[in-house]
């Protein structure tokens, strides 16, 4: 039988940092979607007048689908950040509990 030694390390700060990066990503995606909405996206000039009615509905459908995908990605990134922040809080609670247990053991010696 082989014994295995485990080192258990709780790095809640790294998890919180990752959560912050996820939240920043979600905010960046939302900002980009808002900027894209503000700039429009139709063809302009004389050629736009000619082909706009032909390709406009297709471009609008593609733009709507892309927007939906990006919004879903931003929502998932924000949800991931929420889950990571919850995990970091649980990690901190476990670490505090272990510390309290070790303190009680030390007092009992």
PDB file of N, CA and C in Angstrom:
ATOM      1  N   UNK A   1       0.845  -1.181   0.000  1.00  0.00           N
ATOM      2  CA  UNK A   1       0.000   0.000   0.000  1.00  0.00           C
ATOM      3  C   UNK A   1       0.890   1.243   0.000  1.00  0.00           C
ATOM      4  N   UNK A   2       0.541   2.186  -0.826  1.00  0.00           N
ATOM      5  CA  UNK A   2       1.334   3.397  -0.970  1.00  0.00           C
ATOM      6  C   UNK A   2       0.606   4.575  -0.331  1.00  0.00           C
ATOM      7  N   UNK A   3       1.312   5.328   0.489  1.00  0.00           N
ATOM      8  CA  UNK A   3       0.729   6.510   1.123  1.00  0.00           C
ATOM      9  C   UNK A   3       0.937   7.719   0.211  1.00  0.00           C
ATOM     10  N   UNK A   4      -0.058   8.552   0.142  1.00  0.00           N
ATOM     11  CA  UNK A   4       0.013   9.754  -0.679  1.00  0.00           C
ATOM     12  C   UNK A   4      -0.145  10.963   0.227  1.00  0.00           C
ATOM     13  N   UNK A   5       0.766  11.882   0.120  1.00  0.00           N
ATOM     14  CA  UNK A   5       0.690  13.120   0.900  1.00  0.00           C
ATOM     15  C   UNK A   5       0.030  14.197   0.045  1.00  0.00           C
ATOM     16  N   UNK A   6      -0.884  14.890   0.635  1.00  0.00           N
ATOM     17  CA  UNK A   6      -1.602  15.947  -0.091  1.00  0.00           C
ATOM     18  C   UNK A   6      -1.310  17.286   0.565  1.00  0.00           C
ATOM     19  N   UNK A   7      -1.007  18.250  -0.242  1.00  0.00           N
ATOM     20  CA  UNK A   7      -0.912  19.627   0.221  1.00  0.00           C
ATOM     21  C   UNK A   7      -2.163  20.336  -0.260  1.00  0.00           C
ATOM     22  N   UNK A   8      -2.927  20.828   0.656  1.00  0.00           N
ATOM     23  CA  UNK A   8      -4.156  21.518   0.293  1.00  0.00           C
ATOM     24  C   UNK A   8      -3.929  23.006   0.510  1.00  0.00           C
ATOM     25  N   UNK A   9      -4.007  23.771  -0.574  1.00  0.00           N
ATOM     26  CA  UNK A   9      -3.757  25.199  -0.512  1.00  0.00           C
ATOM     27  C   UNK A   9      -5.014  25.926  -0.955  1.00  0.00           C
ATOM     28  N   UNK A  10      -5.461  26.839  -0.122  1.00  0.00           N
ATOM     29  CA  UNK A  10      -6.605  27.672  -0.460  1.00  0.00           C
ATOM     30  C   UNK A  10      -6.088  29.034  -0.875  1.00  0.00           C
ATOM     31  N   UNK A  11      -6.218  29.357  -2.138  1.00  0.00           N
ATOM     32  CA  UNK A  11      -5.758  30.653  -2.636  1.00  0.00           C
ATOM     33  C   UNK A  11      -6.969  31.455  -3.082  1.00  0.00           C
ATOM     34  N   UNK A  12      -7.707  31.941  -2.096  1.00  0.00           N
ATOM     35  CA  UNK A  12      -8.937  32.662  -2.418  1.00  0.00           C
ATOM     36  C   UNK A  12      -8.660  33.975  -3.148  1.00  0.00           C
ATOM     37  N   UNK A  13      -7.505  34.563  -2.937  1.00  0.00           N
ATOM     38  CA  UNK A  13      -7.182  35.811  -3.638  1.00  0.00           C
ATOM     39  C   UNK A  13      -7.037  35.570  -5.143  1.00  0.00           C
ATOM     40  N   UNK A  14      -6.441  34.447  -5.523  1.00  0.00           N
ATOM     41  CA  UNK A  14      -6.319  34.123  -6.949  1.00  0.00           C
ATOM     42  C   UNK A  14      -7.694  33.889  -7.565  1.00  0.00           C
ATOM     43  N   UNK A  15      -8.578  33.246  -6.814  1.00  0.00           N
ATOM     44  CA  UNK A  15      -9.936  33.016  -7.316  1.00  0.00           C
ATOM     45  C   UNK A  15     -10.672  34.339  -7.457  1.00  0.00           C
ATOM     46  N   UNK A  16     -10.497  35.227  -6.487  1.00  0.00           N
ATOM     47  CA  UNK A  16     -11.131  36.548  -6.576  1.00  0.00           C
ATOM     48  C   UNK A  16     -10.582  37.348  -7.763  1.00  0.00           C
ATOM     49  N   UNK A  17      -9.286  37.241  -8.009  1.00  0.00           N
ATOM     50  CA  UNK A  17      -8.677  37.933  -9.150  1.00  0.00           C
ATOM     51  C   UNK A  17      -9.252  37.406 -10.469  1.00  0.00           C
ATOM     52  N   UNK A  18      -9.433  36.093 -10.549  1.00  0.00           N
ATOM     53  CA  UNK A  18     -10.029  35.499 -11.753  1.00  0.00           C
ATOM     54  C   UNK A  18     -11.469  35.971 -11.917  1.00  0.00           C
ATOM     55  N   UNK A  19     -12.199  36.052 -10.814  1.00  0.00           N
ATOM     56  CA  UNK A  19     -13.579  36.548 -10.861  1.00  0.00           C
ATOM     57  C   UNK A  19     -13.611  37.984 -11.376  1.00  0.00           C
ATOM     58  N   UNK A  20     -12.653  38.790 -10.935  1.00  0.00           N
ATOM     59  CA  UNK A  20     -12.604  40.180 -11.390  1.00  0.00           C
ATOM     60  C   UNK A  20     -12.328  40.243 -12.892  1.00  0.00           C
ATOM     61  N   UNK A  21     -11.437  39.366 -13.385  1.00  0.00           N
ATOM     62  CA  UNK A  21     -11.162  39.344 -14.828  1.00  0.00           C
ATOM     63  C   UNK A  21     -12.400  38.906 -15.608  1.00  0.00           C
ATOM     64  N   UNK A  22     -13.153  37.958 -15.077  1.00  0.00           N
ATOM     65  CA  UNK A  22     -14.404  37.537 -15.738  1.00  0.00           C
ATOM     66  C   UNK A  22     -15.390  38.695 -15.790  1.00  0.00           C
ATOM     67  N   UNK A  23     -15.510  39.414 -14.679  1.00  0.00           N
ATOM     68  CA  UNK A  23     -16.441  40.553 -14.638  1.00  0.00           C
ATOM     69  C   UNK A  23     -15.983  41.652 -15.607  1.00  0.00           C
ATOM     70  N   UNK A  24     -14.672  41.895 -15.671  1.00  0.00           N
ATOM     71  CA  UNK A  24     -14.139  42.884 -16.622  1.00  0.00           C
ATOM     72  C   UNK A  24     -14.435  42.468 -18.067  1.00  0.00           C
ATOM     73  N   UNK A  25     -14.319  41.173 -18.345  1.00  0.00           N
ATOM     74  CA  UNK A  25     -14.616  40.670 -19.686  1.00  0.00           C
ATOM     75  C   UNK A  25     -16.078  40.899 -20.023  1.00  0.00           C
ATOM     76  N   UNK A  26     -16.963  40.587 -19.087  1.00  0.00           N
ATOM     77  CA  UNK A  26     -18.397  40.799 -19.311  1.00  0.00           C
ATOM     78  C   UNK A  26     -18.693  42.268 -19.563  1.00  0.00           C
ATOM     79  N   UNK A  27     -18.083  43.139 -18.774  1.00  0.00           N
ATOM     80  CA  UNK A  27     -18.291  44.583 -18.969  1.00  0.00           C
ATOM     81  C   UNK A  27     -17.759  45.036 -20.322  1.00  0.00           C
ATOM     82  N   UNK A  28     -16.608  44.506 -20.720  1.00  0.00           N
ATOM     83  CA  UNK A  28     -16.030  44.870 -22.018  1.00  0.00           C
ATOM     84  C   UNK A  28     -16.914  44.441 -23.176  1.00  0.00           C
ATOM     85  N   UNK A  29     -17.477  43.247 -23.068  1.00  0.00           N
ATOM     86  CA  UNK A  29     -18.374  42.764 -24.130  1.00  0.00           C
ATOM     87  C   UNK A  29     -19.603  43.650 -24.208  1.00  0.00           C
ATOM     88  N   UNK A  30     -20.168  43.990 -23.067  1.00  0.00           N
ATOM     89  CA  UNK A  30     -21.361  44.853 -23.067  1.00  0.00           C
ATOM     90  C   UNK A  30     -21.047  46.235 -23.639  1.00  0.00           C
ATOM     91  N   UNK A  31     -19.867  46.751 -23.331  1.00  0.00           N
ATOM     92  CA  UNK A  31     -19.456  48.042 -23.878  1.00  0.00           C
ATOM     93  C   UNK A  31     -19.312  47.958 -25.395  1.00  0.00           C
ATOM     94  N   UNK A  32     -18.713  46.874 -25.868  1.00  0.00           N
ATOM     95  CA  UNK A  32     -18.533  46.698 -27.317  1.00  0.00           C
ATOM     96  C   UNK A  32     -19.873  46.573 -28.028  1.00  0.00           C
ATOM     97  N   UNK A  33     -20.807  45.846 -27.434  1.00  0.00           N
ATOM     98  CA  UNK A  33     -22.136  45.714 -28.034  1.00  0.00           C
ATOM     99  C   UNK A  33     -22.815  47.085 -28.092  1.00  0.00           C
ATOM    100  N   UNK A  34     -22.696  47.847 -27.020  1.00  0.00           N
ATOM    101  CA  UNK A  34     -23.278  49.188 -27.006  1.00  0.00           C
ATOM    102  C   UNK A  34     -22.647  50.094 -28.050  1.00  0.00           C
ATOM    103  N   UNK A  35     -21.329  50.012 -28.211  1.00  0.00           N
ATOM    104  CA  UNK A  35     -20.645  50.825 -29.217  1.00  0.00           C
ATOM    105  C   UNK A  35     -21.066  50.419 -30.621  1.00  0.00           C
ATOM    106  N   UNK A  36     -21.223  49.114 -30.836  1.00  0.00           N
ATOM    107  CA  UNK A  36     -21.664  48.646 -32.156  1.00  0.00           C
ATOM    108  C   UNK A  36     -23.068  49.137 -32.456  1.00  0.00           C
ATOM    109  N   UNK A  37     -23.924  49.145 -31.440  1.00  0.00           N
ATOM    110  CA  UNK A  37     -25.284  49.657 -31.628  1.00  0.00           C
ATOM    111  C   UNK A  37     -25.260  51.145 -31.980  1.00  0.00           C
ATOM    112  N   UNK A  38     -24.360  51.888 -31.339  1.00  0.00           N
ATOM    113  CA  UNK A  38     -24.295  53.332 -31.553  1.00  0.00           C
ATOM    114  C   UNK A  38     -23.777  53.685 -32.946  1.00  0.00           C
ATOM    115  N   UNK A  39     -22.897  52.848 -33.498  1.00  0.00           N
ATOM    116  CA  UNK A  39     -22.328  53.168 -34.804  1.00  0.00           C
ATOM    117  C   UNK A  39     -23.195  52.685 -35.951  1.00  0.00           C
ATOM    118  N   UNK A  40     -24.148  51.837 -35.672  1.00  0.00           N
ATOM    119  CA  UNK A  40     -24.989  51.310 -36.755  1.00  0.00           C
ATOM    120  C   UNK A  40     -24.232  50.233 -37.488  1.00  0.00           C
ATOM    121  N   UNK A  41     -24.513  50.042 -38.735  1.00  0.00           N
ATOM    122  CA  UNK A  41     -23.811  49.005 -39.466  1.00  0.00           C
ATOM    123  C   UNK A  41     -24.325  48.833 -40.869  1.00  0.00           C
ATOM    124  N   UNK A  42     -25.090  49.776 -41.349  1.00  0.00           N
ATOM    125  CA  UNK A  42     -25.625  49.659 -42.702  1.00  0.00           C
ATOM    126  C   UNK A  42     -24.654  50.175 -43.744  1.00  0.00           C
ATOM    127  N   UNK A  43     -24.893  49.834 -44.972  1.00  0.00           N
ATOM    128  CA  UNK A  43     -24.069  50.344 -46.071  1.00  0.00           C
ATOM    129  C   UNK A  43     -24.397  51.817 -46.275  1.00  0.00           C
ATOM    130  N   UNK A  44     -23.396  52.573 -46.683  1.00  0.00           N
ATOM    131  CA  UNK A  44     -23.624  54.002 -46.872  1.00  0.00           C
ATOM    132  C   UNK A  44     -23.201  54.405 -48.275  1.00  0.00           C
ATOM    133  N   UNK A  45     -23.602  55.576 -48.667  1.00  0.00           N
ATOM    134  CA  UNK A  45     -23.245  56.087 -49.987  1.00  0.00           C
ATOM    135  C   UNK A  45     -24.186  55.575 -51.062  1.00  0.00           C
ATOM    136  N   UNK A  46     -23.813  55.848 -52.315  1.00  0.00           N
ATOM    137  CA  UNK A  46     -24.654  55.469 -53.454  1.00  0.00           C
ATOM    138  C   UNK A  46     -24.872  53.981 -53.559  1.00  0.00           C
ATOM    139  N   UNK A  47     -23.809  53.200 -53.327  1.00  0.00           N
ATOM    140  CA  UNK A  47     -23.945  51.758 -53.410  1.00  0.00           C
ATOM    141  C   UNK A  47     -24.881  51.247 -52.322  1.00  0.00           C
ATOM    142  N   UNK A  48     -24.829  51.885 -51.159  1.00  0.00           N
ATOM    143  CA  UNK A  48     -25.710  51.490 -50.066  1.00  0.00           C
ATOM    144  C   UNK A  48     -27.170  51.685 -50.411  1.00  0.00           C
ATOM    145  N   UNK A  49     -27.454  52.716 -51.164  1.00  0.00           N
ATOM    146  CA  UNK A  49     -28.837  52.970 -51.573  1.00  0.00           C
ATOM    147  C   UNK A  49     -29.317  51.869 -52.508  1.00  0.00           C
ATOM    148  N   UNK A  50     -28.417  51.389 -53.347  1.00  0.00           N
ATOM    149  CA  UNK A  50     -28.796  50.347 -54.304  1.00  0.00           C
ATOM    150  C   UNK A  50     -28.919  48.970 -53.658  1.00  0.00           C
ATOM    151  N   UNK A  51     -27.916  48.597 -52.836  1.00  0.00           N
ATOM    152  CA  UNK A  51     -27.929  47.235 -52.310  1.00  0.00           C
ATOM    153  C   UNK A  51     -28.547  47.139 -50.919  1.00  0.00           C
ATOM    154  N   UNK A  52     -28.728  48.262 -50.269  1.00  0.00           N
ATOM    155  CA  UNK A  52     -29.291  48.267 -48.919  1.00  0.00           C
ATOM    156  C   UNK A  52     -30.593  47.496 -48.808  1.00  0.00           C
ATOM    157  N   UNK A  53     -31.566  47.766 -49.698  1.00  0.00           N
ATOM    158  CA  UNK A  53     -32.827  47.032 -49.592  1.00  0.00           C
ATOM    159  C   UNK A  53     -32.675  45.531 -49.844  1.00  0.00           C
ATOM    160  N   UNK A  54     -31.647  45.141 -50.573  1.00  0.00           N
ATOM    161  CA  UNK A  54     -31.454  43.717 -50.866  1.00  0.00           C
ATOM    162  C   UNK A  54     -30.786  42.962 -49.719  1.00  0.00           C
ATOM    163  N   UNK A  55     -29.733  43.545 -49.167  1.00  0.00           N
ATOM    164  CA  UNK A  55     -28.967  42.837 -48.142  1.00  0.00           C
ATOM    165  C   UNK A  55     -29.277  43.318 -46.726  1.00  0.00           C
ATOM    166  N   UNK A  56     -29.990  44.412 -46.626  1.00  0.00           N
ATOM    167  CA  UNK A  56     -30.306  44.972 -45.300  1.00  0.00           C
ATOM    168  C   UNK A  56     -30.937  43.974 -44.345  1.00  0.00           C
ATOM    169  N   UNK A  57     -32.004  43.284 -44.778  1.00  0.00           N
ATOM    170  CA  UNK A  57     -32.623  42.320 -43.857  1.00  0.00           C
ATOM    171  C   UNK A  57     -31.680  41.183 -43.446  1.00  0.00           C
ATOM    172  N   UNK A  58     -30.836  40.730 -44.355  1.00  0.00           N
ATOM    173  CA  UNK A  58     -29.876  39.674 -44.016  1.00  0.00           C
ATOM    174  C   UNK A  58     -28.842  40.171 -43.015  1.00  0.00           C
ATOM    175  N   UNK A  59     -28.350  41.379 -43.247  1.00  0.00           N
ATOM    176  CA  UNK A  59     -27.367  41.947 -42.318  1.00  0.00           C
ATOM    177  C   UNK A  59     -27.991  42.178 -40.951  1.00  0.00           C
ATOM    178  N   UNK A  60     -29.220  42.629 -40.938  1.00  0.00           N
ATOM    179  CA  UNK A  60     -29.899  42.869 -39.658  1.00  0.00           C
ATOM    180  C   UNK A  60     -30.076  41.567 -38.887  1.00  0.00           C
ATOM    181  N   UNK A  61     -30.439  40.497 -39.579  1.00  0.00           N
ATOM    182  CA  UNK A  61     -30.604  39.205 -38.914  1.00  0.00           C
ATOM    183  C   UNK A  61     -29.270  38.705 -38.371  1.00  0.00           C
ATOM    184  N   UNK A  62     -28.204  38.858 -39.153  1.00  0.00           N
ATOM    185  CA  UNK A  62     -26.874  38.448 -38.693  1.00  0.00           C
ATOM    186  C   UNK A  62     -26.413  39.274 -37.510  1.00  0.00           C
ATOM    187  N   UNK A  63     -26.672  40.578 -37.566  1.00  0.00           N
ATOM    188  CA  UNK A  63     -26.288  41.471 -36.473  1.00  0.00           C
ATOM    189  C   UNK A  63     -27.059  41.112 -35.200  1.00  0.00           C
ATOM    190  N   UNK A  64     -28.353  40.798 -35.343  1.00  0.00           N
ATOM    191  CA  UNK A  64     -29.164  40.423 -34.195  1.00  0.00           C
ATOM    192  C   UNK A  64     -28.663  39.105 -33.583  1.00  0.00           C
ATOM    193  N   UNK A  65     -28.324  38.150 -34.418  1.00  0.00           N
ATOM    194  CA  UNK A  65     -27.808  36.870 -33.915  1.00  0.00           C
ATOM    195  C   UNK A  65     -26.469  37.060 -33.203  1.00  0.00           C
ATOM    196  N   UNK A  66     -25.601  37.864 -33.787  1.00  0.00           N
ATOM    197  CA  UNK A  66     -24.299  38.122 -33.169  1.00  0.00           C
ATOM    198  C   UNK A  66     -24.472  38.839 -31.830  1.00  0.00           C
ATOM    199  N   UNK A  67     -25.389  39.804 -31.808  1.00  0.00           N
ATOM    200  CA  UNK A  67     -25.648  40.536 -30.564  1.00  0.00           C
ATOM    201  C   UNK A  67     -26.156  39.583 -29.476  1.00  0.00           C
ATOM    202  N   UNK A  68     -27.065  38.684 -29.842  1.00  0.00           N
ATOM    203  CA  UNK A  68     -27.602  37.728 -28.879  1.00  0.00           C
ATOM    204  C   UNK A  68     -26.492  36.832 -28.326  1.00  0.00           C
ATOM    205  N   UNK A  69     -25.613  36.376 -29.196  1.00  0.00           N
ATOM    206  CA  UNK A  69     -24.491  35.530 -28.756  1.00  0.00           C
ATOM    207  C   UNK A  69     -23.565  36.295 -27.821  1.00  0.00           C
ATOM    208  N   UNK A  70     -23.256  37.534 -28.167  1.00  0.00           N
ATOM    209  CA  UNK A  70     -22.362  38.328 -27.319  1.00  0.00           C
ATOM    210  C   UNK A  70     -23.001  38.642 -25.975  1.00  0.00           C
ATOM    211  N   UNK A  71     -24.294  38.951 -25.976  1.00  0.00           N
ATOM    212  CA  UNK A  71     -24.973  39.213 -24.703  1.00  0.00           C
ATOM    213  C   UNK A  71     -24.994  37.964 -23.834  1.00  0.00           C
ATOM    214  N   UNK A  72     -25.220  36.795 -24.457  1.00  0.00           N
ATOM    215  CA  UNK A  72     -25.204  35.543 -23.705  1.00  0.00           C
ATOM    216  C   UNK A  72     -23.816  35.279 -23.131  1.00  0.00           C
ATOM    217  N   UNK A  73     -22.776  35.572 -23.907  1.00  0.00           N
ATOM    218  CA  UNK A  73     -21.400  35.391 -23.424  1.00  0.00           C
ATOM    219  C   UNK A  73     -21.125  36.318 -22.244  1.00  0.00           C
ATOM    220  N   UNK A  74     -21.588  37.552 -22.331  1.00  0.00           N
ATOM    221  CA  UNK A  74     -21.391  38.497 -21.228  1.00  0.00           C
ATOM    222  C   UNK A  74     -22.132  38.025 -19.985  1.00  0.00           C
ATOM    223  N   UNK A  75     -23.346  37.529 -20.164  1.00  0.00           N
ATOM    224  CA  UNK A  75     -24.112  37.021 -19.021  1.00  0.00           C
ATOM    225  C   UNK A  75     -23.416  35.822 -18.384  1.00  0.00           C
ATOM    226  N   UNK A  76     -22.888  34.924 -19.214  1.00  0.00           N
ATOM    227  CA  UNK A  76     -22.184  33.742 -18.689  1.00  0.00           C
ATOM    228  C   UNK A  76     -20.907  34.160 -17.956  1.00  0.00           C
ATOM    229  N   UNK A  77     -20.194  35.130 -18.489  1.00  0.00           N
ATOM    230  CA  UNK A  77     -18.972  35.601 -17.823  1.00  0.00           C
ATOM    231  C   UNK A  77     -19.310  36.226 -16.472  1.00  0.00           C
ATOM    232  N   UNK A  78     -20.395  36.990 -16.416  1.00  0.00           N
ATOM    233  CA  UNK A  78     -20.813  37.594 -15.145  1.00  0.00           C
ATOM    234  C   UNK A  78     -21.252  36.519 -14.156  1.00  0.00           C
ATOM    235  N   UNK A  79     -21.976  35.510 -14.637  1.00  0.00           N
ATOM    236  CA  UNK A  79     -22.405  34.408 -13.757  1.00  0.00           C
ATOM    237  C   UNK A  79     -21.195  33.626 -13.252  1.00  0.00           C
ATOM    238  N   UNK A  80     -20.206  33.432 -14.117  1.00  0.00           N
ATOM    239  CA  UNK A  80     -18.982  32.745 -13.706  1.00  0.00           C
ATOM    240  C   UNK A  80     -18.276  33.536 -12.611  1.00  0.00           C
ATOM    241  N   UNK A  81     -18.239  34.857 -12.768  1.00  0.00           N
ATOM    242  CA  UNK A  81     -17.628  35.710 -11.747  1.00  0.00           C
ATOM    243  C   UNK A  81     -18.371  35.556 -10.420  1.00  0.00           C
ATOM    244  N   UNK A  82     -19.709  35.517 -10.474  1.00  0.00           N
ATOM    245  CA  UNK A  82     -20.490  35.333  -9.247  1.00  0.00           C
ATOM    246  C   UNK A  82     -20.150  34.003  -8.582  1.00  0.00           C
ATOM    247  N   UNK A  83     -20.064  32.934  -9.378  1.00  0.00           N
ATOM    248  CA  UNK A  83     -19.745  31.616  -8.827  1.00  0.00           C
ATOM    249  C   UNK A  83     -18.338  31.589  -8.240  1.00  0.00           C
ATOM    250  N   UNK A  84     -17.395  32.226  -8.918  1.00  0.00           N
ATOM    251  CA  UNK A  84     -16.017  32.264  -8.410  1.00  0.00           C
ATOM    252  C   UNK A  84     -15.936  33.045  -7.103  1.00  0.00           C
ATOM    253  N   UNK A  85     -16.676  34.149  -7.013  1.00  0.00           N
ATOM    254  CA  UNK A  85     -16.671  34.926  -5.776  1.00  0.00           C
ATOM    255  C   UNK A  85     -17.277  34.124  -4.633  1.00  0.00           C
ATOM    256  N   UNK A  86     -18.327  33.357  -4.936  1.00  0.00           N
ATOM    257  CA  UNK A  86     -18.907  32.484  -3.921  1.00  0.00           C
ATOM    258  C   UNK A  86     -17.932  31.398  -3.488  1.00  0.00           C
ATOM    259  N   UNK A  87     -17.224  30.834  -4.462  1.00  0.00           N
ATOM    260  CA  UNK A  87     -16.235  29.798  -4.143  1.00  0.00           C
ATOM    261  C   UNK A  87     -15.103  30.376  -3.284  1.00  0.00           C
ATOM    262  N   UNK A  88     -14.683  31.584  -3.598  1.00  0.00           N
ATOM    263  CA  UNK A  88     -13.619  32.215  -2.807  1.00  0.00           C
ATOM    264  C   UNK A  88     -14.091  32.450  -1.375  1.00  0.00           C
ATOM    265  N   UNK A  89     -15.344  32.849  -1.206  1.00  0.00           N
ATOM    266  CA  UNK A  89     -15.880  33.052   0.146  1.00  0.00           C
ATOM    267  C   UNK A  89     -15.928  31.723   0.901  1.00  0.00           C
ATOM    268  N   UNK A  90     -16.335  30.653   0.214  1.00  0.00           N
ATOM    269  CA  UNK A  90     -16.344  29.333   0.855  1.00  0.00           C
ATOM    270  C   UNK A  90     -14.932  28.883   1.211  1.00  0.00           C
ATOM    271  N   UNK A  91     -13.980  29.134   0.318  1.00  0.00           N
ATOM    272  CA  UNK A  91     -12.598  28.767   0.591  1.00  0.00           C
ATOM    273  C   UNK A  91     -12.091  29.500   1.832  1.00  0.00           C
ATOM    274  N   UNK A  92     -12.421  30.779   1.930  1.00  0.00           N
ATOM    275  CA  UNK A  92     -11.991  31.563   3.093  1.00  0.00           C
ATOM    276  C   UNK A  92     -12.644  31.031   4.367  1.00  0.00           C
ATOM    277  N   UNK A  93     -13.912  30.649   4.285  1.00  0.00           N
ATOM    278  CA  UNK A  93     -14.604  30.107   5.451  1.00  0.00           C
ATOM    279  C   UNK A  93     -13.977  28.787   5.899  1.00  0.00           C
ATOM    280  N   UNK A  94     -13.622  27.930   4.939  1.00  0.00           N
ATOM    281  CA  UNK A  94     -12.979  26.657   5.277  1.00  0.00           C
ATOM    282  C   UNK A  94     -11.619  26.918   5.915  1.00  0.00           C
ATOM    283  N   UNK A  95     -10.870  27.837   5.348  1.00  0.00           N
ATOM    284  CA  UNK A  95      -9.556  28.164   5.912  1.00  0.00           C
ATOM    285  C   UNK A  95      -9.693  28.702   7.330  1.00  0.00           C
ATOM    286  N   UNK A  96     -10.682  29.570   7.552  1.00  0.00           N
ATOM    287  CA  UNK A  96     -10.915  30.099   8.903  1.00  0.00           C
ATOM    288  C   UNK A  96     -11.308  28.986   9.864  1.00  0.00           C
ATOM    289  N   UNK A  97     -12.149  28.066   9.401  1.00  0.00           N
ATOM    290  CA  UNK A  97     -12.579  26.948  10.240  1.00  0.00           C
ATOM    291  C   UNK A  97     -11.413  26.046  10.607  1.00  0.00           C
ATOM    292  N   UNK A  98     -10.537  25.783   9.633  1.00  0.00           N
ATOM    293  CA  UNK A  98      -9.342  24.969   9.908  1.00  0.00           C
ATOM    294  C   UNK A  98      -8.453  25.678  10.919  1.00  0.00           C
ATOM    295  N   UNK A  99      -8.281  26.976  10.739  1.00  0.00           N
ATOM    296  CA  UNK A  99      -7.464  27.753  11.675  1.00  0.00           C
ATOM    297  C   UNK A  99      -8.050  27.718  13.079  1.00  0.00           C
ATOM    298  N   UNK A 100      -9.386  27.856  13.180  1.00  0.00           N
ATOM    299  CA  UNK A 100     -10.028  27.795  14.501  1.00  0.00           C
ATOM    300  C   UNK A 100      -9.854  26.421  15.134  1.00  0.00           C
ATOM    301  N   UNK A 101      -9.970  25.371  14.301  1.00  0.00           N
ATOM    302  CA  UNK A 101      -9.786  24.014  14.816  1.00  0.00           C
ATOM    303  C   UNK A 101      -8.384  23.781  15.307  1.00  0.00           C
ATOM    304  N   UNK A 102      -7.405  24.245  14.554  1.00  0.00           N
ATOM    305  CA  UNK A 102      -6.005  24.104  14.978  1.00  0.00           C
ATOM    306  C   UNK A 102      -5.732  24.896  16.248  1.00  0.00           C
ATOM    307  N   UNK A 103      -6.376  26.051  16.371  1.00  0.00           N
ATOM    308  CA  UNK A 103      -6.202  26.875  17.573  1.00  0.00           C
ATOM    309  C   UNK A 103      -6.760  26.142  18.791  1.00  0.00           C
ATOM    310  N   UNK A 104      -7.940  25.512  18.629  1.00  0.00           N
ATOM    311  CA  UNK A 104      -8.525  24.762  19.753  1.00  0.00           C
ATOM    312  C   UNK A 104      -7.649  23.562  20.126  1.00  0.00           C
ATOM    313  N   UNK A 105      -7.086  22.912  19.119  1.00  0.00           N
ATOM    314  CA  UNK A 105      -6.196  21.779  19.382  1.00  0.00           C
ATOM    315  C   UNK A 105      -4.961  22.269  20.145  1.00  0.00           C
ATOM    316  N   UNK A 106      -4.418  23.403  19.687  1.00  0.00           N
ATOM    317  CA  UNK A 106      -3.237  23.964  20.367  1.00  0.00           C
ATOM    318  C   UNK A 106      -3.524  24.354  21.798  1.00  0.00           C
ATOM    319  N   UNK A 107      -4.713  24.872  22.062  1.00  0.00           N
ATOM    320  CA  UNK A 107      -5.074  25.259  23.422  1.00  0.00           C
ATOM    321  C   UNK A 107      -5.264  24.035  24.311  1.00  0.00           C
ATOM    322  N   UNK A 108      -5.657  22.923  23.686  1.00  0.00           N
ATOM    323  CA  UNK A 108      -5.891  21.705  24.458  1.00  0.00           C
ATOM    324  C   UNK A 108      -4.601  20.969  24.822  1.00  0.00           C
ATOM    325  N   UNK A 109      -3.505  21.349  24.194  1.00  0.00           N
ATOM    326  CA  UNK A 109      -2.222  20.663  24.475  1.00  0.00           C
ATOM    327  C   UNK A 109      -1.582  21.206  25.705  1.00  0.00           C
TER     328      UNK A 109
END
